[in-house]
Amino acid sequence: MYPQRKRNRLLGFDYTQHQFYFISSNVKNHEPYFGEVIKGEMQLNANGEIVKQRWLWLAQQYPFVRLHAFIIMPEHMHGIIEILPPAVPTSRDLSVQLEGKIKSLSELMGAFKTTSSKQIHLAGYPNFSWHRSFHDSILFDRSKIAVVERYIRMNPANYKKSK
């Protein structure tokens, strides 16, 4: 028999609901595709810029997404993504998403990883791929959000190259 895999998401939790989520996603085999940390600061290369632009694209593409602190590191990324509550459109704003059209956190991460991978492949790196799935934590209160924001800000300064 195969060993049972650890469940990635909280059982029974609705990942389309209004909440703050801390996500982390790694490059397959931890290859440093996105740049390097120099003197405690992350220096993005062209691939890192692609990832940054695709991350920002999520909030442009989906009006129910608000992005907070994030960092692209050499072989991974961290970010806080907020899924906003469904809104009722008014005559002034007909572009607001209606309930039932909000994508789940997994769907949003799938769109991010797919579009960033495609652009990195087109940039000349056909072997690039993200690690399967992603890690998430649901940030239920403001104090946890503040802790995670600090962790994200400090990530380059605390970065240790793993070999």
C-alpha atoms as a PDB file:
ATOM      1  CA  MET A   1       0.000   0.000   0.000  1.00  0.00           C
ATOM      2  CA  TYR A   2       1.015   3.595  -0.560  1.00  0.00           C
ATOM      3  CA  PRO A   3       1.541   5.909   2.405  1.00  0.00           C
ATOM      4  CA  GLN A   4      -1.332   8.301   3.006  1.00  0.00           C
ATOM      5  CA  ARG A   5      -0.604  11.835   1.871  1.00  0.00           C
ATOM      6  CA  LYS A   6      -1.116  14.669   4.326  1.00  0.00           C
ATOM      7  CA  ARG A   7      -4.243  16.673   3.471  1.00  0.00           C
ATOM      8  CA  ASN A   8      -3.287  20.025   1.930  1.00  0.00           C
ATOM      9  CA  ARG A   9      -6.395  21.992   2.860  1.00  0.00           C
ATOM     10  CA  LEU A  10      -8.506  22.250   5.995  1.00  0.00           C
ATOM     11  CA  LEU A  11     -11.266  19.688   5.713  1.00  0.00           C
ATOM     12  CA  GLY A  12     -14.707  21.270   5.323  1.00  0.00           C
ATOM     13  CA  PHE A  13     -13.401  24.846   5.025  1.00  0.00           C
ATOM     14  CA  ASP A  14     -14.811  26.998   2.215  1.00  0.00           C
ATOM     15  CA  TYR A  15     -11.765  28.503   0.478  1.00  0.00           C
ATOM     16  CA  THR A  16     -13.948  30.949  -1.463  1.00  0.00           C
ATOM     17  CA  GLN A  17     -15.051  32.783   1.663  1.00  0.00           C
ATOM     18  CA  HIS A  18     -13.792  36.168   2.776  1.00  0.00           C
ATOM     19  CA  GLN A  19     -10.520  35.523   4.564  1.00  0.00           C
ATOM     20  CA  PHE A  20      -6.814  36.278   4.586  1.00  0.00           C
ATOM     21  CA  TYR A  21      -4.607  33.378   3.455  1.00  0.00           C
ATOM     22  CA  PHE A  22      -0.842  33.008   3.764  1.00  0.00           C
ATOM     23  CA  ILE A  23       0.489  30.976   0.875  1.00  0.00           C
ATOM     24  CA  SER A  24       3.895  29.545   0.010  1.00  0.00           C
ATOM     25  CA  SER A  25       4.840  27.865  -3.230  1.00  0.00           C
ATOM     26  CA  ASN A  26       8.158  26.270  -4.149  1.00  0.00           C
ATOM     27  CA  VAL A  27       9.918  25.641  -7.416  1.00  0.00           C
ATOM     28  CA  LYS A  28      10.249  21.939  -8.184  1.00  0.00           C
ATOM     29  CA  ASN A  29      13.586  20.613  -6.885  1.00  0.00           C
ATOM     30  CA  HIS A  30      14.171  24.020  -5.236  1.00  0.00           C
ATOM     31  CA  GLU A  31      15.986  25.347  -8.300  1.00  0.00           C
ATOM     32  CA  PRO A  32      16.810  29.078  -7.945  1.00  0.00           C
ATOM     33  CA  TYR A  33      14.938  30.338 -11.010  1.00  0.00           C
ATOM     34  CA  PHE A  34      13.891  33.770  -9.698  1.00  0.00           C
ATOM     35  CA  GLY A  35      17.117  35.583  -8.797  1.00  0.00           C
ATOM     36  CA  GLU A  36      19.343  35.769  -5.751  1.00  0.00           C
ATOM     37  CA  VAL A  37      19.609  37.310  -2.323  1.00  0.00           C
ATOM     38  CA  ILE A  38      22.455  39.812  -2.141  1.00  0.00           C
ATOM     39  CA  LYS A  39      23.291  41.462   1.177  1.00  0.00           C
ATOM     40  CA  GLY A  40      19.909  40.551   2.606  1.00  0.00           C
ATOM     41  CA  GLU A  41      17.878  41.876  -0.338  1.00  0.00           C
ATOM     42  CA  MET A  42      16.176  39.876  -3.051  1.00  0.00           C
ATOM     43  CA  GLN A  43      17.321  40.741  -6.578  1.00  0.00           C
ATOM     44  CA  LEU A  44      14.778  39.420  -9.073  1.00  0.00           C
ATOM     45  CA  ASN A  45      15.922  38.211 -12.468  1.00  0.00           C
ATOM     46  CA  ALA A  46      13.644  38.126 -15.542  1.00  0.00           C
ATOM     47  CA  ASN A  47      11.889  34.973 -14.287  1.00  0.00           C
ATOM     48  CA  GLY A  48      11.360  36.555 -10.876  1.00  0.00           C
ATOM     49  CA  GLU A  49       9.819  39.574 -12.588  1.00  0.00           C
ATOM     50  CA  ILE A  50       7.468  37.251 -14.480  1.00  0.00           C
ATOM     51  CA  VAL A  51       6.360  35.674 -11.199  1.00  0.00           C
ATOM     52  CA  LYS A  52       5.891  39.104  -9.618  1.00  0.00           C
ATOM     53  CA  GLN A  53       3.792  40.323 -12.554  1.00  0.00           C
ATOM     54  CA  ARG A  54       1.651  37.153 -12.574  1.00  0.00           C
ATOM     55  CA  TRP A  55       1.054  37.538  -8.823  1.00  0.00           C
ATOM     56  CA  LEU A  56      -0.062  41.147  -9.296  1.00  0.00           C
ATOM     57  CA  TRP A  57      -2.187  40.018 -12.257  1.00  0.00           C
ATOM     58  CA  LEU A  58      -4.408  38.019  -9.875  1.00  0.00           C
ATOM     59  CA  ALA A  59      -5.777  41.231  -8.340  1.00  0.00           C
ATOM     60  CA  GLN A  60      -6.196  42.794 -11.783  1.00  0.00           C
ATOM     61  CA  GLN A  61      -7.955  39.753 -13.198  1.00  0.00           C
ATOM     62  CA  TYR A  62     -10.231  39.000 -10.251  1.00  0.00           C
ATOM     63  CA  PRO A  63     -12.011  41.898  -8.502  1.00  0.00           C
ATOM     64  CA  PHE A  64     -12.604  39.744  -5.413  1.00  0.00           C
ATOM     65  CA  VAL A  65      -8.833  39.389  -4.797  1.00  0.00           C
ATOM     66  CA  ARG A  66      -6.763  41.797  -2.725  1.00  0.00           C
ATOM     67  CA  LEU A  67      -3.040  41.168  -2.387  1.00  0.00           C
ATOM     68  CA  HIS A  68      -1.070  42.104   0.698  1.00  0.00           C
ATOM     69  CA  ALA A  69       2.588  41.524   1.587  1.00  0.00           C
ATOM     70  CA  PHE A  70       4.481  39.142  -0.696  1.00  0.00           C
ATOM     71  CA  ILE A  71       8.038  38.188  -1.576  1.00  0.00           C
ATOM     72  CA  ILE A  72       9.569  36.298  -4.462  1.00  0.00           C
ATOM     73  CA  MET A  73      12.678  34.409  -3.306  1.00  0.00           C
ATOM     74  CA  PRO A  74      15.215  32.470  -5.447  1.00  0.00           C
ATOM     75  CA  GLU A  75      13.232  29.218  -5.366  1.00  0.00           C
ATOM     76  CA  HIS A  76       9.949  30.008  -3.652  1.00  0.00           C
ATOM     77  CA  MET A  77       7.424  32.717  -2.963  1.00  0.00           C
ATOM     78  CA  HIS A  78       5.267  33.796  -0.041  1.00  0.00           C
ATOM     79  CA  GLY A  79       2.232  36.012  -0.055  1.00  0.00           C
ATOM     80  CA  ILE A  80      -0.902  37.052   1.741  1.00  0.00           C
ATOM     81  CA  ILE A  81      -3.977  36.952  -0.436  1.00  0.00           C
ATOM     82  CA  GLU A  82      -7.378  38.150   0.699  1.00  0.00           C
ATOM     83  CA  ILE A  83     -10.551  36.865  -0.891  1.00  0.00           C
ATOM     84  CA  LEU A  84     -13.128  39.603  -0.529  1.00  0.00           C
ATOM     85  CA  PRO A  85     -16.760  38.944   0.363  1.00  0.00           C
ATOM     86  CA  PRO A  86     -19.249  38.788  -2.486  1.00  0.00           C
ATOM     87  CA  ALA A  87     -20.817  42.139  -3.236  1.00  0.00           C
ATOM     88  CA  VAL A  88     -24.174  43.060  -4.637  1.00  0.00           C
ATOM     89  CA  PRO A  89     -23.796  45.180  -7.775  1.00  0.00           C
ATOM     90  CA  THR A  90     -25.298  48.619  -7.821  1.00  0.00           C
ATOM     91  CA  SER A  91     -26.260  50.694 -10.812  1.00  0.00           C
ATOM     92  CA  ARG A  92     -22.919  52.487 -10.422  1.00  0.00           C
ATOM     93  CA  ASP A  93     -20.772  49.365 -10.439  1.00  0.00           C
ATOM     94  CA  LEU A  94     -21.991  46.569 -12.678  1.00  0.00           C
ATOM     95  CA  SER A  95     -18.574  44.912 -12.792  1.00  0.00           C
ATOM     96  CA  VAL A  96     -18.677  43.621  -9.200  1.00  0.00           C
ATOM     97  CA  GLN A  97     -18.511  39.846  -8.876  1.00  0.00           C
ATOM     98  CA  LEU A  98     -21.660  38.120  -7.706  1.00  0.00           C
ATOM     99  CA  GLU A  99     -21.779  35.339  -5.171  1.00  0.00           C
ATOM    100  CA  GLY A 100     -21.063  31.969  -6.788  1.00  0.00           C
ATOM    101  CA  LYS A 101     -18.497  33.378  -9.213  1.00  0.00           C
ATOM    102  CA  ILE A 102     -15.655  33.671  -6.709  1.00  0.00           C
ATOM    103  CA  LYS A 103     -12.790  31.287  -7.375  1.00  0.00           C
ATOM    104  CA  SER A 104     -11.354  29.221  -4.569  1.00  0.00           C
ATOM    105  CA  LEU A 105      -7.830  29.722  -3.260  1.00  0.00           C
ATOM    106  CA  SER A 106      -6.756  26.563  -5.129  1.00  0.00           C
ATOM    107  CA  GLU A 107      -8.217  27.872  -8.392  1.00  0.00           C
ATOM    108  CA  LEU A 108      -6.462  31.216  -7.920  1.00  0.00           C
ATOM    109  CA  MET A 109      -3.144  29.530  -7.203  1.00  0.00           C
ATOM    110  CA  GLY A 110      -3.673  27.258 -10.209  1.00  0.00           C
ATOM    111  CA  ALA A 111      -4.177  30.310 -12.449  1.00  0.00           C
ATOM    112  CA  PHE A 112      -1.079  31.994 -10.988  1.00  0.00           C
ATOM    113  CA  LYS A 113       1.146  28.940 -11.337  1.00  0.00           C
ATOM    114  CA  THR A 114      -0.115  28.051 -14.824  1.00  0.00           C
ATOM    115  CA  THR A 115       0.291  31.541 -16.265  1.00  0.00           C
ATOM    116  CA  SER A 116       3.687  32.142 -14.655  1.00  0.00           C
ATOM    117  CA  SER A 117       4.964  28.733 -15.825  1.00  0.00           C
ATOM    118  CA  LYS A 118       3.805  29.387 -19.379  1.00  0.00           C
ATOM    119  CA  GLN A 119       5.591  32.733 -19.526  1.00  0.00           C
ATOM    120  CA  ILE A 120       8.798  31.309 -18.024  1.00  0.00           C
ATOM    121  CA  HIS A 121       8.706  28.475 -20.595  1.00  0.00           C
ATOM    122  CA  LEU A 122       8.283  31.047 -23.386  1.00  0.00           C
ATOM    123  CA  ALA A 123      11.256  32.966 -21.952  1.00  0.00           C
ATOM    124  CA  GLY A 124      13.477  29.975 -22.697  1.00  0.00           C
ATOM    125  CA  TYR A 125      13.178  27.761 -19.610  1.00  0.00           C
ATOM    126  CA  PRO A 126      11.066  24.801 -20.792  1.00  0.00           C
ATOM    127  CA  ASN A 127      12.021  22.654 -17.783  1.00  0.00           C
ATOM    128  CA  PHE A 128      10.705  25.100 -15.191  1.00  0.00           C
ATOM    129  CA  SER A 129       7.892  23.884 -12.986  1.00  0.00           C
ATOM    130  CA  TRP A 130       6.388  24.661  -9.630  1.00  0.00           C
ATOM    131  CA  HIS A 131       6.321  22.027  -6.915  1.00  0.00           C
ATOM    132  CA  ARG A 132       3.007  20.213  -6.809  1.00  0.00           C
ATOM    133  CA  SER A 133       0.376  22.075  -4.774  1.00  0.00           C
ATOM    134  CA  PHE A 134       1.186  24.868  -2.303  1.00  0.00           C
ATOM    135  CA  HIS A 135       1.125  25.485   1.427  1.00  0.00           C
ATOM    136  CA  ASP A 136      -1.537  27.700   2.958  1.00  0.00           C
ATOM    137  CA  SER A 137      -2.474  28.975   6.397  1.00  0.00           C
ATOM    138  CA  ILE A 138      -5.746  30.699   7.149  1.00  0.00           C
ATOM    139  CA  LEU A 139      -5.090  33.927   9.031  1.00  0.00           C
ATOM    140  CA  PHE A 140      -8.089  34.238  11.299  1.00  0.00           C
ATOM    141  CA  ASP A 141      -7.012  37.372  13.194  1.00  0.00           C
ATOM    142  CA  ARG A 142      -5.055  40.598  12.718  1.00  0.00           C
ATOM    143  CA  SER A 143      -2.247  39.577  15.073  1.00  0.00           C
ATOM    144  CA  LYS A 144      -1.449  36.553  12.891  1.00  0.00           C
ATOM    145  CA  ILE A 145      -1.531  38.735   9.794  1.00  0.00           C
ATOM    146  CA  ALA A 146       1.028  41.087  11.392  1.00  0.00           C
ATOM    147  CA  VAL A 147       3.318  38.167  12.291  1.00  0.00           C
ATOM    148  CA  VAL A 148       3.166  36.774   8.749  1.00  0.00           C
ATOM    149  CA  GLU A 149       3.738  40.211   7.196  1.00  0.00           C
ATOM    150  CA  ARG A 150       6.892  40.569   9.302  1.00  0.00           C
ATOM    151  CA  TYR A 151       8.039  37.083   8.316  1.00  0.00           C
ATOM    152  CA  ILE A 152       7.562  37.972   4.629  1.00  0.00           C
ATOM    153  CA  ARG A 153       9.424  41.290   4.984  1.00  0.00           C
ATOM    154  CA  MET A 154      12.301  39.610   6.832  1.00  0.00           C
ATOM    155  CA  ASN A 155      12.563  36.599   4.504  1.00  0.00           C
ATOM    156  CA  PRO A 156      15.436  37.944   2.366  1.00  0.00           C
ATOM    157  CA  ALA A 157      17.460  39.044   5.418  1.00  0.00           C
ATOM    158  CA  ASN A 158      16.987  35.612   7.036  1.00  0.00           C
ATOM    159  CA  TYR A 159      17.541  33.646   3.810  1.00  0.00           C
ATOM    160  CA  LYS A 160      20.038  30.820   3.910  1.00  0.00           C
ATOM    161  CA  LYS A 161      20.949  29.147   0.675  1.00  0.00           C
ATOM    162  CA  SER A 162      20.206  25.436   0.946  1.00  0.00           C
ATOM    163  CA  LYS A 163      22.509  23.064  -0.889  1.00  0.00           C
END
